[in-house]
Amino acid sequence: MSSSLPDEAFLSRMCHEELWRLFPIILSGSREEWAELYRRERDLLAEAVGCTRITRISHIGSTAVPGLDAKPTIDILMEVSPDSFVFETPPLLRKCGYMETHRDEERMGLVMVKGYTAEGFRGAGLPPACAPLAGLG
């Protein structure tokens, strides 16, 4: 599944108030499948980027804590090396359905999300995913 560039352009022009209406914060009871959804997404990211470029991929955030009510978004931190590779990853992750939402060139950071569209959260009962990337020296 590839990222829809019209969605990316549309969402980037929205103000915070419009984004909050389109993507309300919803808390859910803990779900056992969150760990499996993370593992599938981790494997997809590793295949897209290549294991030799990835230093570490971690399930972070509230869905990583068994038994905790959470906003049903699978937060994933992917650390890559060398630092310069961080900004080469967006085309690779777009092929997996991610779109870039934030870039910090000074800190070598990048945030990419999946499952957010101009109509709201992606359907099919799957939670959206957020993959911050960090470069390690």
N, C-alpha and C. Protein backbone atom coordinates (compact mmCIF):
# COMPACT_ATOMS: atom_id res chain seq x y z
N MET A 1 0.85 -1.17 0.00
CA MET A 1 0.00 0.00 0.00
C MET A 1 0.89 1.23 0.00
N SER A 2 0.68 2.17 -0.88
CA SER A 2 1.53 3.35 -0.93
C SER A 2 0.78 4.56 -0.38
N SER A 3 1.55 5.50 0.12
CA SER A 3 0.98 6.71 0.68
C SER A 3 0.33 7.52 -0.43
N SER A 4 -0.78 8.12 -0.14
CA SER A 4 -1.47 8.95 -1.11
C SER A 4 -0.94 10.37 -1.00
N LEU A 5 -0.21 10.83 -2.00
CA LEU A 5 0.34 12.18 -1.94
C LEU A 5 -0.73 13.25 -1.83
N PRO A 6 -1.91 13.10 -2.47
CA PRO A 6 -2.95 14.11 -2.25
C PRO A 6 -3.35 14.19 -0.77
N ASP A 7 -3.45 13.05 -0.07
CA ASP A 7 -3.75 13.06 1.36
C ASP A 7 -2.66 13.79 2.13
N GLU A 8 -1.39 13.49 1.79
CA GLU A 8 -0.27 14.11 2.48
C GLU A 8 -0.30 15.63 2.30
N ALA A 9 -0.54 16.08 1.08
CA ALA A 9 -0.60 17.52 0.81
C ALA A 9 -1.81 18.15 1.51
N PHE A 10 -2.94 17.48 1.47
CA PHE A 10 -4.16 17.99 2.10
C PHE A 10 -3.97 18.11 3.61
N LEU A 11 -3.45 17.06 4.24
CA LEU A 11 -3.28 17.06 5.69
C LEU A 11 -2.25 18.09 6.13
N SER A 12 -1.21 18.32 5.33
CA SER A 12 -0.18 19.28 5.72
C SER A 12 -0.70 20.71 5.73
N ARG A 13 -1.80 20.98 5.04
CA ARG A 13 -2.37 22.34 5.02
C ARG A 13 -3.41 22.57 6.11
N MET A 14 -3.77 21.52 6.85
CA MET A 14 -4.80 21.66 7.88
C MET A 14 -4.23 22.28 9.16
N CYS A 15 -5.05 23.09 9.82
CA CYS A 15 -4.64 23.65 11.11
C CYS A 15 -4.86 22.59 12.20
N HIS A 16 -4.31 22.84 13.38
CA HIS A 16 -4.42 21.87 14.48
C HIS A 16 -5.88 21.56 14.83
N GLU A 17 -6.73 22.58 14.84
CA GLU A 17 -8.14 22.38 15.18
C GLU A 17 -8.81 21.43 14.19
N GLU A 18 -8.53 21.60 12.90
CA GLU A 18 -9.10 20.71 11.88
C GLU A 18 -8.58 19.28 12.04
N LEU A 19 -7.29 19.15 12.34
CA LEU A 19 -6.70 17.82 12.54
C LEU A 19 -7.31 17.12 13.75
N TRP A 20 -7.55 17.84 14.85
CA TRP A 20 -8.15 17.24 16.05
C TRP A 20 -9.56 16.75 15.77
N ARG A 21 -10.32 17.50 14.93
CA ARG A 21 -11.67 17.05 14.58
C ARG A 21 -11.63 15.79 13.72
N LEU A 22 -10.68 15.76 12.78
CA LEU A 22 -10.56 14.63 11.87
C LEU A 22 -9.99 13.39 12.57
N PHE A 23 -9.09 13.62 13.53
CA PHE A 23 -8.42 12.52 14.25
C PHE A 23 -8.57 12.71 15.75
N PRO A 24 -9.77 12.47 16.29
CA PRO A 24 -9.98 12.66 17.72
C PRO A 24 -9.17 11.65 18.54
N ILE A 25 -8.83 12.04 19.76
CA ILE A 25 -8.14 11.12 20.66
C ILE A 25 -9.17 10.17 21.24
N ILE A 26 -8.94 8.89 21.02
CA ILE A 26 -9.85 7.85 21.48
C ILE A 26 -9.03 6.89 22.34
N LEU A 27 -9.51 6.60 23.55
CA LEU A 27 -8.84 5.62 24.38
C LEU A 27 -9.54 4.28 24.24
N SER A 28 -8.77 3.24 24.25
CA SER A 28 -9.28 1.89 24.09
C SER A 28 -8.74 1.03 25.22
N GLY A 29 -9.51 0.02 25.58
CA GLY A 29 -8.98 -0.97 26.51
C GLY A 29 -7.81 -1.68 25.88
N SER A 30 -6.92 -2.18 26.69
CA SER A 30 -5.73 -2.88 26.20
C SER A 30 -6.14 -4.06 25.30
N ARG A 31 -5.38 -4.26 24.24
CA ARG A 31 -5.67 -5.35 23.30
C ARG A 31 -4.42 -6.19 23.08
N GLU A 32 -4.58 -7.48 23.17
CA GLU A 32 -3.45 -8.39 22.99
C GLU A 32 -2.85 -8.29 21.58
N GLU A 33 -3.66 -7.97 20.58
CA GLU A 33 -3.16 -7.95 19.20
C GLU A 33 -2.21 -6.80 18.91
N TRP A 34 -2.12 -5.80 19.81
CA TRP A 34 -1.20 -4.69 19.56
C TRP A 34 0.24 -5.17 19.43
N ALA A 35 0.65 -6.13 20.22
CA ALA A 35 2.02 -6.64 20.13
C ALA A 35 2.26 -7.30 18.76
N GLU A 36 1.29 -8.05 18.27
CA GLU A 36 1.43 -8.69 16.96
C GLU A 36 1.41 -7.65 15.83
N LEU A 37 0.56 -6.64 15.95
CA LEU A 37 0.53 -5.57 14.94
C LEU A 37 1.89 -4.87 14.88
N TYR A 38 2.48 -4.64 16.05
CA TYR A 38 3.82 -4.03 16.09
C TYR A 38 4.83 -4.95 15.37
N ARG A 39 4.81 -6.24 15.69
CA ARG A 39 5.78 -7.16 15.08
C ARG A 39 5.64 -7.19 13.55
N ARG A 40 4.41 -7.18 13.07
CA ARG A 40 4.21 -7.16 11.61
C ARG A 40 4.75 -5.88 10.99
N GLU A 41 4.47 -4.75 11.66
CA GLU A 41 4.94 -3.45 11.14
C GLU A 41 6.47 -3.38 11.22
N ARG A 42 7.04 -3.88 12.31
CA ARG A 42 8.51 -3.91 12.46
C ARG A 42 9.14 -4.70 11.31
N ASP A 43 8.57 -5.85 10.98
CA ASP A 43 9.11 -6.67 9.91
C ASP A 43 8.98 -5.96 8.56
N LEU A 44 7.87 -5.28 8.34
CA LEU A 44 7.66 -4.53 7.11
C LEU A 44 8.69 -3.41 6.99
N LEU A 45 8.93 -2.68 8.08
CA LEU A 45 9.92 -1.60 8.08
C LEU A 45 11.32 -2.15 7.83
N ALA A 46 11.66 -3.24 8.50
CA ALA A 46 12.99 -3.83 8.34
C ALA A 46 13.22 -4.27 6.90
N GLU A 47 12.20 -4.83 6.28
CA GLU A 47 12.33 -5.26 4.89
C GLU A 47 12.47 -4.06 3.96
N ALA A 48 11.72 -3.00 4.21
CA ALA A 48 11.76 -1.82 3.35
C ALA A 48 13.08 -1.07 3.45
N VAL A 49 13.60 -0.94 4.65
CA VAL A 49 14.80 -0.12 4.87
C VAL A 49 16.07 -0.97 4.75
N GLY A 50 16.00 -2.19 5.18
CA GLY A 50 17.18 -3.07 5.15
C GLY A 50 17.80 -3.15 6.53
N CYS A 51 17.95 -4.35 7.01
CA CYS A 51 18.44 -4.58 8.38
C CYS A 51 19.82 -3.99 8.63
N THR A 52 20.65 -3.88 7.60
CA THR A 52 22.00 -3.36 7.81
C THR A 52 21.99 -1.86 8.13
N ARG A 53 20.93 -1.16 7.78
CA ARG A 53 20.82 0.28 8.05
C ARG A 53 20.13 0.57 9.37
N ILE A 54 19.45 -0.42 9.94
CA ILE A 54 18.68 -0.20 11.16
C ILE A 54 19.49 -0.60 12.38
N THR A 55 19.61 0.33 13.33
CA THR A 55 20.30 0.05 14.58
C THR A 55 19.35 -0.62 15.56
N ARG A 56 18.10 -0.13 15.60
CA ARG A 56 17.13 -0.69 16.53
C ARG A 56 15.72 -0.25 16.10
N ILE A 57 14.75 -1.14 16.29
CA ILE A 57 13.33 -0.82 16.11
C ILE A 57 12.65 -1.19 17.42
N SER A 58 11.89 -0.25 18.00
CA SER A 58 11.26 -0.48 19.30
C SER A 58 9.78 -0.13 19.28
N HIS A 59 8.98 -0.92 19.98
CA HIS A 59 7.57 -0.62 20.21
C HIS A 59 7.54 0.30 21.43
N ILE A 60 7.10 1.54 21.23
CA ILE A 60 7.09 2.53 22.30
C ILE A 60 5.66 3.02 22.52
N GLY A 61 5.45 3.80 23.53
CA GLY A 61 4.13 4.37 23.77
C GLY A 61 3.22 3.43 24.55
N SER A 62 2.01 3.89 24.76
CA SER A 62 1.08 3.18 25.63
C SER A 62 0.65 1.82 25.11
N THR A 63 0.61 1.60 23.79
CA THR A 63 0.20 0.28 23.29
C THR A 63 1.29 -0.77 23.54
N ALA A 64 2.46 -0.35 23.94
CA ALA A 64 3.55 -1.28 24.24
C ALA A 64 3.47 -1.82 25.67
N VAL A 65 2.55 -1.28 26.47
CA VAL A 65 2.43 -1.67 27.87
C VAL A 65 1.20 -2.58 28.03
N PRO A 66 1.41 -3.87 28.24
CA PRO A 66 0.27 -4.80 28.39
C PRO A 66 -0.63 -4.38 29.56
N GLY A 67 -1.94 -4.41 29.31
CA GLY A 67 -2.91 -4.11 30.35
C GLY A 67 -3.24 -2.63 30.51
N LEU A 68 -2.59 -1.76 29.78
CA LEU A 68 -2.81 -0.32 29.90
C LEU A 68 -3.80 0.16 28.84
N ASP A 69 -4.82 0.93 29.26
CA ASP A 69 -5.70 1.58 28.28
C ASP A 69 -4.84 2.54 27.47
N ALA A 70 -5.14 2.68 26.18
CA ALA A 70 -4.27 3.46 25.32
C ALA A 70 -5.01 4.05 24.14
N LYS A 71 -4.41 5.06 23.55
CA LYS A 71 -4.84 5.55 22.25
C LYS A 71 -4.37 4.49 21.26
N PRO A 72 -5.25 3.87 20.49
CA PRO A 72 -4.86 2.74 19.66
C PRO A 72 -4.02 3.12 18.43
N THR A 73 -2.85 3.64 18.70
CA THR A 73 -1.86 3.96 17.67
C THR A 73 -0.60 3.19 18.02
N ILE A 74 -0.10 2.43 17.10
CA ILE A 74 1.12 1.66 17.34
C ILE A 74 2.31 2.59 17.09
N ASP A 75 2.96 3.01 18.18
CA ASP A 75 4.12 3.90 18.07
C ASP A 75 5.38 3.06 17.97
N ILE A 76 6.18 3.36 16.96
CA ILE A 76 7.38 2.60 16.67
C ILE A 76 8.54 3.58 16.53
N LEU A 77 9.63 3.32 17.22
CA LEU A 77 10.84 4.12 17.07
C LEU A 77 11.84 3.29 16.27
N MET A 78 12.27 3.84 15.14
CA MET A 78 13.28 3.16 14.33
C MET A 78 14.52 4.04 14.33
N GLU A 79 15.63 3.47 14.76
CA GLU A 79 16.90 4.19 14.78
C GLU A 79 17.77 3.63 13.67
N VAL A 80 18.32 4.54 12.87
CA VAL A 80 19.14 4.13 11.73
C VAL A 80 20.53 4.75 11.85
N SER A 81 21.47 4.17 11.13
CA SER A 81 22.84 4.66 11.12
C SER A 81 23.37 4.50 9.71
N PRO A 82 24.18 5.38 9.23
CA PRO A 82 24.65 6.62 9.82
C PRO A 82 23.57 7.71 9.79
N ASP A 83 23.86 8.82 10.47
CA ASP A 83 22.89 9.92 10.58
C ASP A 83 22.34 10.36 9.23
N SER A 84 23.17 10.42 8.23
CA SER A 84 22.73 10.93 6.93
C SER A 84 21.64 10.08 6.30
N PHE A 85 21.50 8.82 6.73
CA PHE A 85 20.51 7.93 6.13
C PHE A 85 19.08 8.27 6.55
N VAL A 86 18.90 8.99 7.66
CA VAL A 86 17.55 9.33 8.14
C VAL A 86 16.73 9.95 7.01
N PHE A 87 17.30 10.89 6.29
CA PHE A 87 16.53 11.62 5.29
C PHE A 87 16.47 10.91 3.94
N GLU A 88 17.08 9.74 3.85
CA GLU A 88 16.95 8.91 2.66
C GLU A 88 15.81 7.90 2.82
N THR A 89 15.25 7.77 4.02
CA THR A 89 14.24 6.74 4.27
C THR A 89 12.82 7.08 3.81
N PRO A 90 12.39 8.35 3.72
CA PRO A 90 10.99 8.60 3.34
C PRO A 90 10.51 7.88 2.08
N PRO A 91 11.27 7.86 0.98
CA PRO A 91 10.76 7.13 -0.20
C PRO A 91 10.58 5.64 0.08
N LEU A 92 11.45 5.07 0.91
CA LEU A 92 11.34 3.65 1.24
C LEU A 92 10.09 3.39 2.07
N LEU A 93 9.81 4.28 3.02
CA LEU A 93 8.65 4.09 3.89
C LEU A 93 7.34 4.46 3.21
N ARG A 94 7.39 5.35 2.24
CA ARG A 94 6.17 5.67 1.47
C ARG A 94 5.65 4.43 0.76
N LYS A 95 6.55 3.56 0.34
CA LYS A 95 6.14 2.31 -0.32
C LYS A 95 5.37 1.40 0.65
N CYS A 96 5.53 1.63 1.95
CA CYS A 96 4.83 0.84 2.98
C CYS A 96 3.58 1.57 3.47
N GLY A 97 3.25 2.71 2.87
CA GLY A 97 2.05 3.44 3.25
C GLY A 97 2.27 4.58 4.23
N TYR A 98 3.51 4.91 4.54
CA TYR A 98 3.80 6.00 5.47
C TYR A 98 3.90 7.33 4.76
N MET A 99 3.61 8.40 5.48
CA MET A 99 3.83 9.75 4.96
C MET A 99 4.55 10.58 6.02
N GLU A 100 5.36 11.50 5.57
CA GLU A 100 6.16 12.33 6.47
C GLU A 100 5.31 13.44 7.06
N THR A 101 5.43 13.64 8.38
CA THR A 101 4.70 14.72 9.03
C THR A 101 5.60 15.73 9.72
N HIS A 102 6.83 15.34 10.03
CA HIS A 102 7.73 16.27 10.72
C HIS A 102 9.18 15.90 10.40
N ARG A 103 9.99 16.94 10.22
CA ARG A 103 11.41 16.74 9.93
C ARG A 103 12.20 17.73 10.78
N ASP A 104 13.22 17.24 11.46
CA ASP A 104 14.10 18.09 12.27
C ASP A 104 15.53 17.81 11.81
N GLU A 105 16.01 18.63 10.89
CA GLU A 105 17.33 18.41 10.31
C GLU A 105 18.43 18.57 11.35
N GLU A 106 18.26 19.51 12.27
CA GLU A 106 19.28 19.75 13.28
C GLU A 106 19.47 18.54 14.20
N ARG A 107 18.37 17.93 14.60
CA ARG A 107 18.43 16.77 15.50
C ARG A 107 18.42 15.44 14.76
N MET A 108 18.43 15.50 13.45
CA MET A 108 18.43 14.29 12.62
C MET A 108 17.22 13.41 12.94
N GLY A 109 16.06 14.03 13.02
CA GLY A 109 14.84 13.30 13.34
C GLY A 109 13.79 13.47 12.27
N LEU A 110 12.91 12.49 12.19
CA LEU A 110 11.87 12.46 11.17
C LEU A 110 10.70 11.69 11.74
N VAL A 111 9.47 12.18 11.52
CA VAL A 111 8.28 11.45 11.95
C VAL A 111 7.47 11.12 10.71
N MET A 112 7.13 9.84 10.59
CA MET A 112 6.29 9.39 9.49
C MET A 112 5.12 8.63 10.09
N VAL A 113 3.94 8.78 9.49
CA VAL A 113 2.74 8.14 10.01
C VAL A 113 2.07 7.33 8.91
N LYS A 114 1.24 6.39 9.35
CA LYS A 114 0.53 5.51 8.43
C LYS A 114 -0.89 5.36 8.96
N GLY A 115 -1.86 5.38 8.07
CA GLY A 115 -3.25 5.17 8.49
C GLY A 115 -4.04 6.45 8.65
N TYR A 116 -3.45 7.58 8.35
CA TYR A 116 -4.14 8.86 8.42
C TYR A 116 -4.44 9.31 7.00
N THR A 117 -5.72 9.59 6.72
CA THR A 117 -6.12 10.01 5.38
C THR A 117 -6.95 11.29 5.48
N ALA A 118 -7.26 11.88 4.35
CA ALA A 118 -8.07 13.11 4.32
C ALA A 118 -9.49 12.85 4.82
N GLU A 119 -9.90 11.57 4.90
CA GLU A 119 -11.23 11.22 5.40
C GLU A 119 -11.19 10.78 6.86
N GLY A 120 -10.04 10.78 7.48
CA GLY A 120 -9.90 10.33 8.87
C GLY A 120 -9.01 9.11 8.93
N PHE A 121 -9.13 8.35 10.03
CA PHE A 121 -8.30 7.16 10.19
C PHE A 121 -8.61 6.14 9.11
N ARG A 122 -7.60 5.42 8.69
CA ARG A 122 -7.78 4.33 7.72
C ARG A 122 -8.70 3.29 8.34
N GLY A 123 -9.47 2.62 7.54
CA GLY A 123 -10.43 1.64 8.02
C GLY A 123 -9.81 0.28 8.29
N ALA A 124 -10.56 -0.76 8.09
CA ALA A 124 -10.17 -2.16 8.23
C ALA A 124 -9.86 -2.56 9.66
N GLY A 125 -10.24 -1.74 10.64
CA GLY A 125 -10.04 -2.11 12.04
C GLY A 125 -8.61 -2.09 12.50
N LEU A 126 -7.69 -1.61 11.68
CA LEU A 126 -6.29 -1.54 12.08
C LEU A 126 -5.98 -0.18 12.66
N PRO A 127 -5.20 -0.13 13.74
CA PRO A 127 -4.83 1.17 14.28
C PRO A 127 -3.81 1.84 13.39
N PRO A 128 -3.76 3.18 13.42
CA PRO A 128 -2.71 3.86 12.67
C PRO A 128 -1.36 3.57 13.30
N ALA A 129 -0.31 3.84 12.56
CA ALA A 129 1.05 3.63 13.07
C ALA A 129 1.82 4.93 12.94
N CYS A 130 2.73 5.14 13.84
CA CYS A 130 3.60 6.31 13.83
C CYS A 130 5.02 5.80 13.98
N ALA A 131 5.90 6.21 13.07
CA ALA A 131 7.27 5.72 13.11
C ALA A 131 8.25 6.89 13.15
N PRO A 132 8.60 7.37 14.35
CA PRO A 132 9.66 8.37 14.41
C PRO A 132 10.99 7.71 14.05
N LEU A 133 11.81 8.40 13.30
CA LEU A 133 13.13 7.89 12.95
C LEU A 133 14.18 8.77 13.58
N ALA A 134 15.24 8.17 14.08
CA ALA A 134 16.33 8.92 14.67
C ALA A 134 17.63 8.42 14.09
N GLY A 135 18.52 9.34 13.78
CA GLY A 135 19.84 8.95 13.30
C GLY A 135 20.80 8.83 14.47
N LEU A 136 21.61 7.82 14.43
CA LEU A 136 22.61 7.61 15.48
C LEU A 136 23.99 7.78 14.87
N GLY A 137 24.84 8.47 15.57
CA GLY A 137 26.18 8.74 15.05
C GLY A 137 27.15 7.63 15.22
